Amino acid sequence: MAVTVLVPTALQKFTNNQATLQCVGSTVAELFDSLEQVCPGIKSRICDEEGKPRRFLNLYVNSEDIRFLDGTATPLKDGDEVSIVPAVAGG
């Protein structure tokens, strides 16, 4: 099952400067493992030691924030789009 992953510029050094990748996974957590196989070192930038997304990143499946779905257990299907979006803060 192919899932499109949209990678922010800050992480593209791990993807050979590719902004989009095709990966596999039936859940967001499995997608992280697939990303790590294709782009070694990227998972530690996306996830903490417990496998949870880092606080400064927002993850969306088809424009829906995974925090309001099932988190990393959010199911994925063929053709889904996962966006990795760095959090922006300011004052």
Protein backbone atom coordinates (compact mmCIF):
# COMPACT_ATOMS: atom_id res chain seq x y z
CA MET A 1 0.00 0.00 0.00
CA ALA A 2 1.62 3.25 -1.15
CA VAL A 3 1.34 6.35 0.99
CA THR A 4 2.68 9.74 -0.08
CA VAL A 5 4.76 11.50 2.58
CA LEU A 6 5.27 15.26 2.32
CA VAL A 7 8.64 16.10 3.89
CA PRO A 8 9.47 19.60 5.16
CA THR A 9 12.62 21.32 3.94
CA ALA A 10 14.34 20.90 7.32
CA LEU A 11 14.20 17.08 6.99
CA GLN A 12 14.99 16.81 3.29
CA LYS A 13 18.70 16.31 4.03
CA PHE A 14 17.64 12.78 5.07
CA THR A 15 15.65 12.22 1.84
CA ASN A 16 18.25 13.26 -0.76
CA ASN A 17 16.42 16.61 -1.02
CA GLN A 18 13.13 14.98 -2.01
CA ALA A 19 10.02 16.82 -0.84
CA THR A 20 7.76 13.80 -1.39
CA LEU A 21 8.32 10.09 -0.83
CA GLN A 22 6.28 6.98 -1.48
CA CYS A 23 6.34 4.64 1.53
CA VAL A 24 4.29 1.81 2.94
CA GLY A 25 2.56 1.20 6.24
CA SER A 26 -0.87 0.29 7.54
CA THR A 27 -0.53 2.78 10.42
CA VAL A 28 1.41 5.98 11.01
CA ALA A 29 3.78 4.07 13.31
CA GLU A 30 4.53 1.52 10.57
CA LEU A 31 5.04 4.39 8.13
CA PHE A 32 7.75 5.80 10.43
CA ASP A 33 9.55 2.44 10.30
CA SER A 34 9.25 2.37 6.51
CA LEU A 35 10.64 5.92 6.30
CA GLU A 36 13.61 4.91 8.44
CA GLN A 37 14.43 2.03 6.09
CA VAL A 38 14.36 4.31 3.06
CA CYS A 39 15.95 7.35 4.77
CA PRO A 40 18.20 6.27 7.67
CA GLY A 41 18.23 8.77 10.53
CA ILE A 42 14.90 10.44 9.78
CA LYS A 43 12.84 8.56 12.38
CA SER A 44 14.85 9.97 15.30
CA ARG A 45 14.06 13.46 13.99
CA ILE A 46 10.34 12.70 13.80
CA CYS A 47 9.85 10.50 16.88
CA ASP A 48 11.06 10.54 20.46
CA GLU A 49 12.54 7.49 22.21
CA GLU A 50 9.04 6.10 22.84
CA GLY A 51 8.09 6.30 19.16
CA LYS A 52 5.75 9.24 19.67
CA PRO A 53 5.91 12.26 17.34
CA ARG A 54 8.14 15.03 18.65
CA ARG A 55 6.32 17.99 20.16
CA PHE A 56 7.58 20.46 17.56
CA LEU A 57 6.10 18.47 14.65
CA ASN A 58 2.51 18.22 13.52
CA LEU A 59 1.46 15.20 11.49
CA TYR A 60 -1.55 15.09 9.22
CA VAL A 61 -3.21 12.24 7.37
CA ASN A 62 -5.20 13.66 4.47
CA SER A 63 -5.23 17.09 6.20
CA GLU A 64 -6.49 15.62 9.51
CA ASP A 65 -4.24 16.12 12.56
CA ILE A 66 -3.33 12.68 13.96
CA ARG A 67 -3.70 14.07 17.51
CA PHE A 68 -7.45 14.15 16.86
CA LEU A 69 -7.47 10.74 15.19
CA ASP A 70 -5.71 7.70 16.70
CA GLY A 71 -2.22 9.19 17.02
CA THR A 72 0.46 6.89 15.63
CA ALA A 73 -2.13 4.08 15.50
CA THR A 74 -4.07 6.04 12.85
CA PRO A 75 -4.76 3.60 10.02
CA LEU A 76 -3.48 4.33 6.53
CA LYS A 77 -4.77 3.12 3.20
CA ASP A 78 -3.43 3.13 -0.32
CA GLY A 79 -3.27 6.67 -1.71
CA ASP A 80 -3.29 8.49 1.64
CA GLU A 81 -1.12 11.56 2.08
CA VAL A 82 0.85 12.15 5.27
CA SER A 83 2.22 15.63 5.89
CA ILE A 84 5.03 16.34 8.33
CA VAL A 85 4.71 19.99 9.34
CA PRO A 86 7.13 21.76 11.71
CA ALA A 87 5.32 23.70 14.42
CA VAL A 88 5.63 27.47 14.19
CA ALA A 89 5.65 29.62 17.29
CA GLY A 90 6.13 33.27 17.82
CA GLY A 91 5.22 36.10 20.01
